[in-house]
Amino acid sequence: KPIVAPPRDTVADTLPAAGDSAPPK
C-alpha cells in the first residue's frame, strides 16, 4: 500500500496546516 500524491486540490487536507506548500528558503 504505497503512498501516492493526491490531486493538487486536496493537498491541503493531507498535511499539517502551515508552511508546507511554500517553497523552502
PDBML (XML) file of the C-alpha atoms, coordinates in Angstrom:
<?xml version="1.0" encoding="UTF-8" ?>
<PDBx:datablock datablockName="MODEL"
   xmlns:PDBx="http://pdbml.pdb.org/schema/pdbx-v50.xsd"
   xmlns:xsi="http://www.w3.org/2001/XMLSchema-instance"
   xsi:schemaLocation="http://pdbml.pdb.org/schema/pdbx-v50.xsd pdbx-v50.xsd">
   <PDBx:atom_siteCategory>
      <PDBx:atom_site id="1">
         <PDBx:B_iso_or_equiv>0.00</PDBx:B_iso_or_equiv>
         <PDBx:Cartn_x>0.000</PDBx:Cartn_x>
         <PDBx:Cartn_y>0.000</PDBx:Cartn_y>
         <PDBx:Cartn_z>0.000</PDBx:Cartn_z>
         <PDBx:auth_asym_id>A</PDBx:auth_asym_id>
         <PDBx:auth_atom_id>CA</PDBx:auth_atom_id>
         <PDBx:auth_comp_id>LYS</PDBx:auth_comp_id>
         <PDBx:auth_seq_id>1</PDBx:auth_seq_id>
         <PDBx:group_PDB>ATOM</PDBx:group_PDB>
         <PDBx:label_alt_id xsi:nil="true" />
         <PDBx:label_asym_id>A</PDBx:label_asym_id>
         <PDBx:label_atom_id>CA</PDBx:label_atom_id>
         <PDBx:label_comp_id>LYS</PDBx:label_comp_id>
         <PDBx:label_entity_id>1</PDBx:label_entity_id>
         <PDBx:label_seq_id>1</PDBx:label_seq_id>
         <PDBx:occupancy>1.00</PDBx:occupancy>
         <PDBx:pdbx_PDB_model_num>1</PDBx:pdbx_PDB_model_num>
         <PDBx:type_symbol>C</PDBx:type_symbol>
      </PDBx:atom_site>
      <PDBx:atom_site id="2">
         <PDBx:B_iso_or_equiv>0.00</PDBx:B_iso_or_equiv>
         <PDBx:Cartn_x>2.306</PDBx:Cartn_x>
         <PDBx:Cartn_y>2.777</PDBx:Cartn_y>
         <PDBx:Cartn_z>-1.204</PDBx:Cartn_z>
         <PDBx:auth_asym_id>A</PDBx:auth_asym_id>
         <PDBx:auth_atom_id>CA</PDBx:auth_atom_id>
         <PDBx:auth_comp_id>PRO</PDBx:auth_comp_id>
         <PDBx:auth_seq_id>2</PDBx:auth_seq_id>
         <PDBx:group_PDB>ATOM</PDBx:group_PDB>
         <PDBx:label_alt_id xsi:nil="true" />
         <PDBx:label_asym_id>A</PDBx:label_asym_id>
         <PDBx:label_atom_id>CA</PDBx:label_atom_id>
         <PDBx:label_comp_id>PRO</PDBx:label_comp_id>
         <PDBx:label_entity_id>1</PDBx:label_entity_id>
         <PDBx:label_seq_id>2</PDBx:label_seq_id>
         <PDBx:occupancy>1.00</PDBx:occupancy>
         <PDBx:pdbx_PDB_model_num>1</PDBx:pdbx_PDB_model_num>
         <PDBx:type_symbol>C</PDBx:type_symbol>
      </PDBx:atom_site>
      <PDBx:atom_site id="3">
         <PDBx:B_iso_or_equiv>0.00</PDBx:B_iso_or_equiv>
         <PDBx:Cartn_x>1.699</PDBx:Cartn_x>
         <PDBx:Cartn_y>6.466</PDBx:Cartn_y>
         <PDBx:Cartn_z>-0.619</PDBx:Cartn_z>
         <PDBx:auth_asym_id>A</PDBx:auth_asym_id>
         <PDBx:auth_atom_id>CA</PDBx:auth_atom_id>
         <PDBx:auth_comp_id>ILE</PDBx:auth_comp_id>
         <PDBx:auth_seq_id>3</PDBx:auth_seq_id>
         <PDBx:group_PDB>ATOM</PDBx:group_PDB>
         <PDBx:label_alt_id xsi:nil="true" />
         <PDBx:label_asym_id>A</PDBx:label_asym_id>
         <PDBx:label_atom_id>CA</PDBx:label_atom_id>
         <PDBx:label_comp_id>ILE</PDBx:label_comp_id>
         <PDBx:label_entity_id>1</PDBx:label_entity_id>
         <PDBx:label_seq_id>3</PDBx:label_seq_id>
         <PDBx:occupancy>1.00</PDBx:occupancy>
         <PDBx:pdbx_PDB_model_num>1</PDBx:pdbx_PDB_model_num>
         <PDBx:type_symbol>C</PDBx:type_symbol>
      </PDBx:atom_site>
      <PDBx:atom_site id="4">
         <PDBx:B_iso_or_equiv>0.00</PDBx:B_iso_or_equiv>
         <PDBx:Cartn_x>0.510</PDBx:Cartn_x>
         <PDBx:Cartn_y>8.316</PDBx:Cartn_y>
         <PDBx:Cartn_z>-3.708</PDBx:Cartn_z>
         <PDBx:auth_asym_id>A</PDBx:auth_asym_id>
         <PDBx:auth_atom_id>CA</PDBx:auth_atom_id>
         <PDBx:auth_comp_id>VAL</PDBx:auth_comp_id>
         <PDBx:auth_seq_id>4</PDBx:auth_seq_id>
         <PDBx:group_PDB>ATOM</PDBx:group_PDB>
         <PDBx:label_alt_id xsi:nil="true" />
         <PDBx:label_asym_id>A</PDBx:label_asym_id>
         <PDBx:label_atom_id>CA</PDBx:label_atom_id>
         <PDBx:label_comp_id>VAL</PDBx:label_comp_id>
         <PDBx:label_entity_id>1</PDBx:label_entity_id>
         <PDBx:label_seq_id>4</PDBx:label_seq_id>
         <PDBx:occupancy>1.00</PDBx:occupancy>
         <PDBx:pdbx_PDB_model_num>1</PDBx:pdbx_PDB_model_num>
         <PDBx:type_symbol>C</PDBx:type_symbol>
      </PDBx:atom_site>
      <PDBx:atom_site id="5">
         <PDBx:B_iso_or_equiv>0.00</PDBx:B_iso_or_equiv>
         <PDBx:Cartn_x>0.326</PDBx:Cartn_x>
         <PDBx:Cartn_y>12.074</PDBx:Cartn_y>
         <PDBx:Cartn_z>-4.107</PDBx:Cartn_z>
         <PDBx:auth_asym_id>A</PDBx:auth_asym_id>
         <PDBx:auth_atom_id>CA</PDBx:auth_atom_id>
         <PDBx:auth_comp_id>ALA</PDBx:auth_comp_id>
         <PDBx:auth_seq_id>5</PDBx:auth_seq_id>
         <PDBx:group_PDB>ATOM</PDBx:group_PDB>
         <PDBx:label_alt_id xsi:nil="true" />
         <PDBx:label_asym_id>A</PDBx:label_asym_id>
         <PDBx:label_atom_id>CA</PDBx:label_atom_id>
         <PDBx:label_comp_id>ALA</PDBx:label_comp_id>
         <PDBx:label_entity_id>1</PDBx:label_entity_id>
         <PDBx:label_seq_id>5</PDBx:label_seq_id>
         <PDBx:occupancy>1.00</PDBx:occupancy>
         <PDBx:pdbx_PDB_model_num>1</PDBx:pdbx_PDB_model_num>
         <PDBx:type_symbol>C</PDBx:type_symbol>
      </PDBx:atom_site>
      <PDBx:atom_site id="6">
         <PDBx:B_iso_or_equiv>0.00</PDBx:B_iso_or_equiv>
         <PDBx:Cartn_x>-3.309</PDBx:Cartn_x>
         <PDBx:Cartn_y>13.233</PDBx:Cartn_y>
         <PDBx:Cartn_z>-4.154</PDBx:Cartn_z>
         <PDBx:auth_asym_id>A</PDBx:auth_asym_id>
         <PDBx:auth_atom_id>CA</PDBx:auth_atom_id>
         <PDBx:auth_comp_id>PRO</PDBx:auth_comp_id>
         <PDBx:auth_seq_id>6</PDBx:auth_seq_id>
         <PDBx:group_PDB>ATOM</PDBx:group_PDB>
         <PDBx:label_alt_id xsi:nil="true" />
         <PDBx:label_asym_id>A</PDBx:label_asym_id>
         <PDBx:label_atom_id>CA</PDBx:label_atom_id>
         <PDBx:label_comp_id>PRO</PDBx:label_comp_id>
         <PDBx:label_entity_id>1</PDBx:label_entity_id>
         <PDBx:label_seq_id>6</PDBx:label_seq_id>
         <PDBx:occupancy>1.00</PDBx:occupancy>
         <PDBx:pdbx_PDB_model_num>1</PDBx:pdbx_PDB_model_num>
         <PDBx:type_symbol>C</PDBx:type_symbol>
      </PDBx:atom_site>
      <PDBx:atom_site id="7">
         <PDBx:B_iso_or_equiv>0.00</PDBx:B_iso_or_equiv>
         <PDBx:Cartn_x>-4.724</PDBx:Cartn_x>
         <PDBx:Cartn_y>15.658</PDBx:Cartn_y>
         <PDBx:Cartn_z>-6.705</PDBx:Cartn_z>
         <PDBx:auth_asym_id>A</PDBx:auth_asym_id>
         <PDBx:auth_atom_id>CA</PDBx:auth_atom_id>
         <PDBx:auth_comp_id>PRO</PDBx:auth_comp_id>
         <PDBx:auth_seq_id>7</PDBx:auth_seq_id>
         <PDBx:group_PDB>ATOM</PDBx:group_PDB>
         <PDBx:label_alt_id xsi:nil="true" />
         <PDBx:label_asym_id>A</PDBx:label_asym_id>
         <PDBx:label_atom_id>CA</PDBx:label_atom_id>
         <PDBx:label_comp_id>PRO</PDBx:label_comp_id>
         <PDBx:label_entity_id>1</PDBx:label_entity_id>
         <PDBx:label_seq_id>7</PDBx:label_seq_id>
         <PDBx:occupancy>1.00</PDBx:occupancy>
         <PDBx:pdbx_PDB_model_num>1</PDBx:pdbx_PDB_model_num>
         <PDBx:type_symbol>C</PDBx:type_symbol>
      </PDBx:atom_site>
      <PDBx:atom_site id="8">
         <PDBx:B_iso_or_equiv>0.00</PDBx:B_iso_or_equiv>
         <PDBx:Cartn_x>-3.424</PDBx:Cartn_x>
         <PDBx:Cartn_y>19.141</PDBx:Cartn_y>
         <PDBx:Cartn_z>-6.112</PDBx:Cartn_z>
         <PDBx:auth_asym_id>A</PDBx:auth_asym_id>
         <PDBx:auth_atom_id>CA</PDBx:auth_atom_id>
         <PDBx:auth_comp_id>ARG</PDBx:auth_comp_id>
         <PDBx:auth_seq_id>8</PDBx:auth_seq_id>
         <PDBx:group_PDB>ATOM</PDBx:group_PDB>
         <PDBx:label_alt_id xsi:nil="true" />
         <PDBx:label_asym_id>A</PDBx:label_asym_id>
         <PDBx:label_atom_id>CA</PDBx:label_atom_id>
         <PDBx:label_comp_id>ARG</PDBx:label_comp_id>
         <PDBx:label_entity_id>1</PDBx:label_entity_id>
         <PDBx:label_seq_id>8</PDBx:label_seq_id>
         <PDBx:occupancy>1.00</PDBx:occupancy>
         <PDBx:pdbx_PDB_model_num>1</PDBx:pdbx_PDB_model_num>
         <PDBx:type_symbol>C</PDBx:type_symbol>
      </PDBx:atom_site>
      <PDBx:atom_site id="9">
         <PDBx:B_iso_or_equiv>0.00</PDBx:B_iso_or_equiv>
         <PDBx:Cartn_x>-6.774</PDBx:Cartn_x>
         <PDBx:Cartn_y>20.474</PDBx:Cartn_y>
         <PDBx:Cartn_z>-4.850</PDBx:Cartn_z>
         <PDBx:auth_asym_id>A</PDBx:auth_asym_id>
         <PDBx:auth_atom_id>CA</PDBx:auth_atom_id>
         <PDBx:auth_comp_id>ASP</PDBx:auth_comp_id>
         <PDBx:auth_seq_id>9</PDBx:auth_seq_id>
         <PDBx:group_PDB>ATOM</PDBx:group_PDB>
         <PDBx:label_alt_id xsi:nil="true" />
         <PDBx:label_asym_id>A</PDBx:label_asym_id>
         <PDBx:label_atom_id>CA</PDBx:label_atom_id>
         <PDBx:label_comp_id>ASP</PDBx:label_comp_id>
         <PDBx:label_entity_id>1</PDBx:label_entity_id>
         <PDBx:label_seq_id>9</PDBx:label_seq_id>
         <PDBx:occupancy>1.00</PDBx:occupancy>
         <PDBx:pdbx_PDB_model_num>1</PDBx:pdbx_PDB_model_num>
         <PDBx:type_symbol>C</PDBx:type_symbol>
      </PDBx:atom_site>
      <PDBx:atom_site id="10">
         <PDBx:B_iso_or_equiv>0.00</PDBx:B_iso_or_equiv>
         <PDBx:Cartn_x>-6.719</PDBx:Cartn_x>
         <PDBx:Cartn_y>18.004</PDBx:Cartn_y>
         <PDBx:Cartn_z>-1.944</PDBx:Cartn_z>
         <PDBx:auth_asym_id>A</PDBx:auth_asym_id>
         <PDBx:auth_atom_id>CA</PDBx:auth_atom_id>
         <PDBx:auth_comp_id>THR</PDBx:auth_comp_id>
         <PDBx:auth_seq_id>10</PDBx:auth_seq_id>
         <PDBx:group_PDB>ATOM</PDBx:group_PDB>
         <PDBx:label_alt_id xsi:nil="true" />
         <PDBx:label_asym_id>A</PDBx:label_asym_id>
         <PDBx:label_atom_id>CA</PDBx:label_atom_id>
         <PDBx:label_comp_id>THR</PDBx:label_comp_id>
         <PDBx:label_entity_id>1</PDBx:label_entity_id>
         <PDBx:label_seq_id>10</PDBx:label_seq_id>
         <PDBx:occupancy>1.00</PDBx:occupancy>
         <PDBx:pdbx_PDB_model_num>1</PDBx:pdbx_PDB_model_num>
         <PDBx:type_symbol>C</PDBx:type_symbol>
      </PDBx:atom_site>
      <PDBx:atom_site id="11">
         <PDBx:B_iso_or_equiv>0.00</PDBx:B_iso_or_equiv>
         <PDBx:Cartn_x>-3.129</PDBx:Cartn_x>
         <PDBx:Cartn_y>18.549</PDBx:Cartn_y>
         <PDBx:Cartn_z>-0.825</PDBx:Cartn_z>
         <PDBx:auth_asym_id>A</PDBx:auth_asym_id>
         <PDBx:auth_atom_id>CA</PDBx:auth_atom_id>
         <PDBx:auth_comp_id>VAL</PDBx:auth_comp_id>
         <PDBx:auth_seq_id>11</PDBx:auth_seq_id>
         <PDBx:group_PDB>ATOM</PDBx:group_PDB>
         <PDBx:label_alt_id xsi:nil="true" />
         <PDBx:label_asym_id>A</PDBx:label_asym_id>
         <PDBx:label_atom_id>CA</PDBx:label_atom_id>
         <PDBx:label_comp_id>VAL</PDBx:label_comp_id>
         <PDBx:label_entity_id>1</PDBx:label_entity_id>
         <PDBx:label_seq_id>11</PDBx:label_seq_id>
         <PDBx:occupancy>1.00</PDBx:occupancy>
         <PDBx:pdbx_PDB_model_num>1</PDBx:pdbx_PDB_model_num>
         <PDBx:type_symbol>C</PDBx:type_symbol>
      </PDBx:atom_site>
      <PDBx:atom_site id="12">
         <PDBx:B_iso_or_equiv>0.00</PDBx:B_iso_or_equiv>
         <PDBx:Cartn_x>-4.148</PDBx:Cartn_x>
         <PDBx:Cartn_y>20.939</PDBx:Cartn_y>
         <PDBx:Cartn_z>1.922</PDBx:Cartn_z>
         <PDBx:auth_asym_id>A</PDBx:auth_asym_id>
         <PDBx:auth_atom_id>CA</PDBx:auth_atom_id>
         <PDBx:auth_comp_id>ALA</PDBx:auth_comp_id>
         <PDBx:auth_seq_id>12</PDBx:auth_seq_id>
         <PDBx:group_PDB>ATOM</PDBx:group_PDB>
         <PDBx:label_alt_id xsi:nil="true" />
         <PDBx:label_asym_id>A</PDBx:label_asym_id>
         <PDBx:label_atom_id>CA</PDBx:label_atom_id>
         <PDBx:label_comp_id>ALA</PDBx:label_comp_id>
         <PDBx:label_entity_id>1</PDBx:label_entity_id>
         <PDBx:label_seq_id>12</PDBx:label_seq_id>
         <PDBx:occupancy>1.00</PDBx:occupancy>
         <PDBx:pdbx_PDB_model_num>1</PDBx:pdbx_PDB_model_num>
         <PDBx:type_symbol>C</PDBx:type_symbol>
      </PDBx:atom_site>
      <PDBx:atom_site id="13">
         <PDBx:B_iso_or_equiv>0.00</PDBx:B_iso_or_equiv>
         <PDBx:Cartn_x>-6.153</PDBx:Cartn_x>
         <PDBx:Cartn_y>18.155</PDBx:Cartn_y>
         <PDBx:Cartn_z>3.584</PDBx:Cartn_z>
         <PDBx:auth_asym_id>A</PDBx:auth_asym_id>
         <PDBx:auth_atom_id>CA</PDBx:auth_atom_id>
         <PDBx:auth_comp_id>ASP</PDBx:auth_comp_id>
         <PDBx:auth_seq_id>13</PDBx:auth_seq_id>
         <PDBx:group_PDB>ATOM</PDBx:group_PDB>
         <PDBx:label_alt_id xsi:nil="true" />
         <PDBx:label_asym_id>A</PDBx:label_asym_id>
         <PDBx:label_atom_id>CA</PDBx:label_atom_id>
         <PDBx:label_comp_id>ASP</PDBx:label_comp_id>
         <PDBx:label_entity_id>1</PDBx:label_entity_id>
         <PDBx:label_seq_id>13</PDBx:label_seq_id>
         <PDBx:occupancy>1.00</PDBx:occupancy>
         <PDBx:pdbx_PDB_model_num>1</PDBx:pdbx_PDB_model_num>
         <PDBx:type_symbol>C</PDBx:type_symbol>
      </PDBx:atom_site>
      <PDBx:atom_site id="14">
         <PDBx:B_iso_or_equiv>0.00</PDBx:B_iso_or_equiv>
         <PDBx:Cartn_x>-3.208</PDBx:Cartn_x>
         <PDBx:Cartn_y>15.749</PDBx:Cartn_y>
         <PDBx:Cartn_z>3.765</PDBx:Cartn_z>
         <PDBx:auth_asym_id>A</PDBx:auth_asym_id>
         <PDBx:auth_atom_id>CA</PDBx:auth_atom_id>
         <PDBx:auth_comp_id>THR</PDBx:auth_comp_id>
         <PDBx:auth_seq_id>14</PDBx:auth_seq_id>
         <PDBx:group_PDB>ATOM</PDBx:group_PDB>
         <PDBx:label_alt_id xsi:nil="true" />
         <PDBx:label_asym_id>A</PDBx:label_asym_id>
         <PDBx:label_atom_id>CA</PDBx:label_atom_id>
         <PDBx:label_comp_id>THR</PDBx:label_comp_id>
         <PDBx:label_entity_id>1</PDBx:label_entity_id>
         <PDBx:label_seq_id>14</PDBx:label_seq_id>
         <PDBx:occupancy>1.00</PDBx:occupancy>
         <PDBx:pdbx_PDB_model_num>1</PDBx:pdbx_PDB_model_num>
         <PDBx:type_symbol>C</PDBx:type_symbol>
      </PDBx:atom_site>
      <PDBx:atom_site id="15">
         <PDBx:B_iso_or_equiv>0.00</PDBx:B_iso_or_equiv>
         <PDBx:Cartn_x>-0.508</PDBx:Cartn_x>
         <PDBx:Cartn_y>17.778</PDBx:Cartn_y>
         <PDBx:Cartn_z>5.502</PDBx:Cartn_z>
         <PDBx:auth_asym_id>A</PDBx:auth_asym_id>
         <PDBx:auth_atom_id>CA</PDBx:auth_atom_id>
         <PDBx:auth_comp_id>LEU</PDBx:auth_comp_id>
         <PDBx:auth_seq_id>15</PDBx:auth_seq_id>
         <PDBx:group_PDB>ATOM</PDBx:group_PDB>
         <PDBx:label_alt_id xsi:nil="true" />
         <PDBx:label_asym_id>A</PDBx:label_asym_id>
         <PDBx:label_atom_id>CA</PDBx:label_atom_id>
         <PDBx:label_comp_id>LEU</PDBx:label_comp_id>
         <PDBx:label_entity_id>1</PDBx:label_entity_id>
         <PDBx:label_seq_id>15</PDBx:label_seq_id>
         <PDBx:occupancy>1.00</PDBx:occupancy>
         <PDBx:pdbx_PDB_model_num>1</PDBx:pdbx_PDB_model_num>
         <PDBx:type_symbol>C</PDBx:type_symbol>
      </PDBx:atom_site>
      <PDBx:atom_site id="16">
         <PDBx:B_iso_or_equiv>0.00</PDBx:B_iso_or_equiv>
         <PDBx:Cartn_x>-0.068</PDBx:Cartn_x>
         <PDBx:Cartn_y>19.989</PDBx:Cartn_y>
         <PDBx:Cartn_z>8.585</PDBx:Cartn_z>
         <PDBx:auth_asym_id>A</PDBx:auth_asym_id>
         <PDBx:auth_atom_id>CA</PDBx:auth_atom_id>
         <PDBx:auth_comp_id>PRO</PDBx:auth_comp_id>
         <PDBx:auth_seq_id>16</PDBx:auth_seq_id>
         <PDBx:group_PDB>ATOM</PDBx:group_PDB>
         <PDBx:label_alt_id xsi:nil="true" />
         <PDBx:label_asym_id>A</PDBx:label_asym_id>
         <PDBx:label_atom_id>CA</PDBx:label_atom_id>
         <PDBx:label_comp_id>PRO</PDBx:label_comp_id>
         <PDBx:label_entity_id>1</PDBx:label_entity_id>
         <PDBx:label_seq_id>16</PDBx:label_seq_id>
         <PDBx:occupancy>1.00</PDBx:occupancy>
         <PDBx:pdbx_PDB_model_num>1</PDBx:pdbx_PDB_model_num>
         <PDBx:type_symbol>C</PDBx:type_symbol>
      </PDBx:atom_site>
      <PDBx:atom_site id="17">
         <PDBx:B_iso_or_equiv>0.00</PDBx:B_iso_or_equiv>
         <PDBx:Cartn_x>-1.805</PDBx:Cartn_x>
         <PDBx:Cartn_y>23.306</PDBx:Cartn_y>
         <PDBx:Cartn_z>8.117</PDBx:Cartn_z>
         <PDBx:auth_asym_id>A</PDBx:auth_asym_id>
         <PDBx:auth_atom_id>CA</PDBx:auth_atom_id>
         <PDBx:auth_comp_id>ALA</PDBx:auth_comp_id>
         <PDBx:auth_seq_id>17</PDBx:auth_seq_id>
         <PDBx:group_PDB>ATOM</PDBx:group_PDB>
         <PDBx:label_alt_id xsi:nil="true" />
         <PDBx:label_asym_id>A</PDBx:label_asym_id>
         <PDBx:label_atom_id>CA</PDBx:label_atom_id>
         <PDBx:label_comp_id>ALA</PDBx:label_comp_id>
         <PDBx:label_entity_id>1</PDBx:label_entity_id>
         <PDBx:label_seq_id>17</PDBx:label_seq_id>
         <PDBx:occupancy>1.00</PDBx:occupancy>
         <PDBx:pdbx_PDB_model_num>1</PDBx:pdbx_PDB_model_num>
         <PDBx:type_symbol>C</PDBx:type_symbol>
      </PDBx:atom_site>
      <PDBx:atom_site id="18">
         <PDBx:B_iso_or_equiv>0.00</PDBx:B_iso_or_equiv>
         <PDBx:Cartn_x>1.025</PDBx:Cartn_x>
         <PDBx:Cartn_y>25.812</PDBx:Cartn_y>
         <PDBx:Cartn_z>7.845</PDBx:Cartn_z>
         <PDBx:auth_asym_id>A</PDBx:auth_asym_id>
         <PDBx:auth_atom_id>CA</PDBx:auth_atom_id>
         <PDBx:auth_comp_id>ALA</PDBx:auth_comp_id>
         <PDBx:auth_seq_id>18</PDBx:auth_seq_id>
         <PDBx:group_PDB>ATOM</PDBx:group_PDB>
         <PDBx:label_alt_id xsi:nil="true" />
         <PDBx:label_asym_id>A</PDBx:label_asym_id>
         <PDBx:label_atom_id>CA</PDBx:label_atom_id>
         <PDBx:label_comp_id>ALA</PDBx:label_comp_id>
         <PDBx:label_entity_id>1</PDBx:label_entity_id>
         <PDBx:label_seq_id>18</PDBx:label_seq_id>
         <PDBx:occupancy>1.00</PDBx:occupancy>
         <PDBx:pdbx_PDB_model_num>1</PDBx:pdbx_PDB_model_num>
         <PDBx:type_symbol>C</PDBx:type_symbol>
      </PDBx:atom_site>
      <PDBx:atom_site id="19">
         <PDBx:B_iso_or_equiv>0.00</PDBx:B_iso_or_equiv>
         <PDBx:Cartn_x>4.117</PDBx:Cartn_x>
         <PDBx:Cartn_y>26.166</PDBx:Cartn_y>
         <PDBx:Cartn_z>5.743</PDBx:Cartn_z>
         <PDBx:auth_asym_id>A</PDBx:auth_asym_id>
         <PDBx:auth_atom_id>CA</PDBx:auth_atom_id>
         <PDBx:auth_comp_id>GLY</PDBx:auth_comp_id>
         <PDBx:auth_seq_id>19</PDBx:auth_seq_id>
         <PDBx:group_PDB>ATOM</PDBx:group_PDB>
         <PDBx:label_alt_id xsi:nil="true" />
         <PDBx:label_asym_id>A</PDBx:label_asym_id>
         <PDBx:label_atom_id>CA</PDBx:label_atom_id>
         <PDBx:label_comp_id>GLY</PDBx:label_comp_id>
         <PDBx:label_entity_id>1</PDBx:label_entity_id>
         <PDBx:label_seq_id>19</PDBx:label_seq_id>
         <PDBx:occupancy>1.00</PDBx:occupancy>
         <PDBx:pdbx_PDB_model_num>1</PDBx:pdbx_PDB_model_num>
         <PDBx:type_symbol>C</PDBx:type_symbol>
      </PDBx:atom_site>
      <PDBx:atom_site id="20">
         <PDBx:B_iso_or_equiv>0.00</PDBx:B_iso_or_equiv>
         <PDBx:Cartn_x>4.007</PDBx:Cartn_x>
         <PDBx:Cartn_y>23.059</PDBx:Cartn_y>
         <PDBx:Cartn_z>3.597</PDBx:Cartn_z>
         <PDBx:auth_asym_id>A</PDBx:auth_asym_id>
         <PDBx:auth_atom_id>CA</PDBx:auth_atom_id>
         <PDBx:auth_comp_id>ASP</PDBx:auth_comp_id>
         <PDBx:auth_seq_id>20</PDBx:auth_seq_id>
         <PDBx:group_PDB>ATOM</PDBx:group_PDB>
         <PDBx:label_alt_id xsi:nil="true" />
         <PDBx:label_asym_id>A</PDBx:label_asym_id>
         <PDBx:label_atom_id>CA</PDBx:label_atom_id>
         <PDBx:label_comp_id>ASP</PDBx:label_comp_id>
         <PDBx:label_entity_id>1</PDBx:label_entity_id>
         <PDBx:label_seq_id>20</PDBx:label_seq_id>
         <PDBx:occupancy>1.00</PDBx:occupancy>
         <PDBx:pdbx_PDB_model_num>1</PDBx:pdbx_PDB_model_num>
         <PDBx:type_symbol>C</PDBx:type_symbol>
      </PDBx:atom_site>
      <PDBx:atom_site id="21">
         <PDBx:B_iso_or_equiv>0.00</PDBx:B_iso_or_equiv>
         <PDBx:Cartn_x>3.113</PDBx:Cartn_x>
         <PDBx:Cartn_y>24.480</PDBx:Cartn_y>
         <PDBx:Cartn_z>0.227</PDBx:Cartn_z>
         <PDBx:auth_asym_id>A</PDBx:auth_asym_id>
         <PDBx:auth_atom_id>CA</PDBx:auth_atom_id>
         <PDBx:auth_comp_id>SER</PDBx:auth_comp_id>
         <PDBx:auth_seq_id>21</PDBx:auth_seq_id>
         <PDBx:group_PDB>ATOM</PDBx:group_PDB>
         <PDBx:label_alt_id xsi:nil="true" />
         <PDBx:label_asym_id>A</PDBx:label_asym_id>
         <PDBx:label_atom_id>CA</PDBx:label_atom_id>
         <PDBx:label_comp_id>SER</PDBx:label_comp_id>
         <PDBx:label_entity_id>1</PDBx:label_entity_id>
         <PDBx:label_seq_id>21</PDBx:label_seq_id>
         <PDBx:occupancy>1.00</PDBx:occupancy>
         <PDBx:pdbx_PDB_model_num>1</PDBx:pdbx_PDB_model_num>
         <PDBx:type_symbol>C</PDBx:type_symbol>
      </PDBx:atom_site>
      <PDBx:atom_site id="22">
         <PDBx:B_iso_or_equiv>0.00</PDBx:B_iso_or_equiv>
         <PDBx:Cartn_x>5.596</PDBx:Cartn_x>
         <PDBx:Cartn_y>27.364</PDBx:Cartn_y>
         <PDBx:Cartn_z>0.420</PDBx:Cartn_z>
         <PDBx:auth_asym_id>A</PDBx:auth_asym_id>
         <PDBx:auth_atom_id>CA</PDBx:auth_atom_id>
         <PDBx:auth_comp_id>ALA</PDBx:auth_comp_id>
         <PDBx:auth_seq_id>22</PDBx:auth_seq_id>
         <PDBx:group_PDB>ATOM</PDBx:group_PDB>
         <PDBx:label_alt_id xsi:nil="true" />
         <PDBx:label_asym_id>A</PDBx:label_asym_id>
         <PDBx:label_atom_id>CA</PDBx:label_atom_id>
         <PDBx:label_comp_id>ALA</PDBx:label_comp_id>
         <PDBx:label_entity_id>1</PDBx:label_entity_id>
         <PDBx:label_seq_id>22</PDBx:label_seq_id>
         <PDBx:occupancy>1.00</PDBx:occupancy>
         <PDBx:pdbx_PDB_model_num>1</PDBx:pdbx_PDB_model_num>
         <PDBx:type_symbol>C</PDBx:type_symbol>
      </PDBx:atom_site>
      <PDBx:atom_site id="23">
         <PDBx:B_iso_or_equiv>0.00</PDBx:B_iso_or_equiv>
         <PDBx:Cartn_x>8.949</PDBx:Cartn_x>
         <PDBx:Cartn_y>26.807</PDBx:Cartn_y>
         <PDBx:Cartn_z>-1.302</PDBx:Cartn_z>
         <PDBx:auth_asym_id>A</PDBx:auth_asym_id>
         <PDBx:auth_atom_id>CA</PDBx:auth_atom_id>
         <PDBx:auth_comp_id>PRO</PDBx:auth_comp_id>
         <PDBx:auth_seq_id>23</PDBx:auth_seq_id>
         <PDBx:group_PDB>ATOM</PDBx:group_PDB>
         <PDBx:label_alt_id xsi:nil="true" />
         <PDBx:label_asym_id>A</PDBx:label_asym_id>
         <PDBx:label_atom_id>CA</PDBx:label_atom_id>
         <PDBx:label_comp_id>PRO</PDBx:label_comp_id>
         <PDBx:label_entity_id>1</PDBx:label_entity_id>
         <PDBx:label_seq_id>23</PDBx:label_seq_id>
         <PDBx:occupancy>1.00</PDBx:occupancy>
         <PDBx:pdbx_PDB_model_num>1</PDBx:pdbx_PDB_model_num>
         <PDBx:type_symbol>C</PDBx:type_symbol>
      </PDBx:atom_site>
      <PDBx:atom_site id="24">
         <PDBx:B_iso_or_equiv>0.00</PDBx:B_iso_or_equiv>
         <PDBx:Cartn_x>11.802</PDBx:Cartn_x>
         <PDBx:Cartn_y>26.313</PDBx:Cartn_y>
         <PDBx:Cartn_z>1.142</PDBx:Cartn_z>
         <PDBx:auth_asym_id>A</PDBx:auth_asym_id>
         <PDBx:auth_atom_id>CA</PDBx:auth_atom_id>
         <PDBx:auth_comp_id>PRO</PDBx:auth_comp_id>
         <PDBx:auth_seq_id>24</PDBx:auth_seq_id>
         <PDBx:group_PDB>ATOM</PDBx:group_PDB>
         <PDBx:label_alt_id xsi:nil="true" />
         <PDBx:label_asym_id>A</PDBx:label_asym_id>
         <PDBx:label_atom_id>CA</PDBx:label_atom_id>
         <PDBx:label_comp_id>PRO</PDBx:label_comp_id>
         <PDBx:label_entity_id>1</PDBx:label_entity_id>
         <PDBx:label_seq_id>24</PDBx:label_seq_id>
         <PDBx:occupancy>1.00</PDBx:occupancy>
         <PDBx:pdbx_PDB_model_num>1</PDBx:pdbx_PDB_model_num>
         <PDBx:type_symbol>C</PDBx:type_symbol>
      </PDBx:atom_site>
      <PDBx:atom_site id="25">
         <PDBx:B_iso_or_equiv>0.00</PDBx:B_iso_or_equiv>
         <PDBx:Cartn_x>14.106</PDBx:Cartn_x>
         <PDBx:Cartn_y>29.243</PDBx:Cartn_y>
         <PDBx:Cartn_z>1.789</PDBx:Cartn_z>
         <PDBx:auth_asym_id>A</PDBx:auth_asym_id>
         <PDBx:auth_atom_id>CA</PDBx:auth_atom_id>
         <PDBx:auth_comp_id>LYS</PDBx:auth_comp_id>
         <PDBx:auth_seq_id>25</PDBx:auth_seq_id>
         <PDBx:group_PDB>ATOM</PDBx:group_PDB>
         <PDBx:label_alt_id xsi:nil="true" />
         <PDBx:label_asym_id>A</PDBx:label_asym_id>
         <PDBx:label_atom_id>CA</PDBx:label_atom_id>
         <PDBx:label_comp_id>LYS</PDBx:label_comp_id>
         <PDBx:label_entity_id>1</PDBx:label_entity_id>
         <PDBx:label_seq_id>25</PDBx:label_seq_id>
         <PDBx:occupancy>1.00</PDBx:occupancy>
         <PDBx:pdbx_PDB_model_num>1</PDBx:pdbx_PDB_model_num>
         <PDBx:type_symbol>C</PDBx:type_symbol>
      </PDBx:atom_site>
   </PDBx:atom_siteCategory>
</PDBx:datablock>
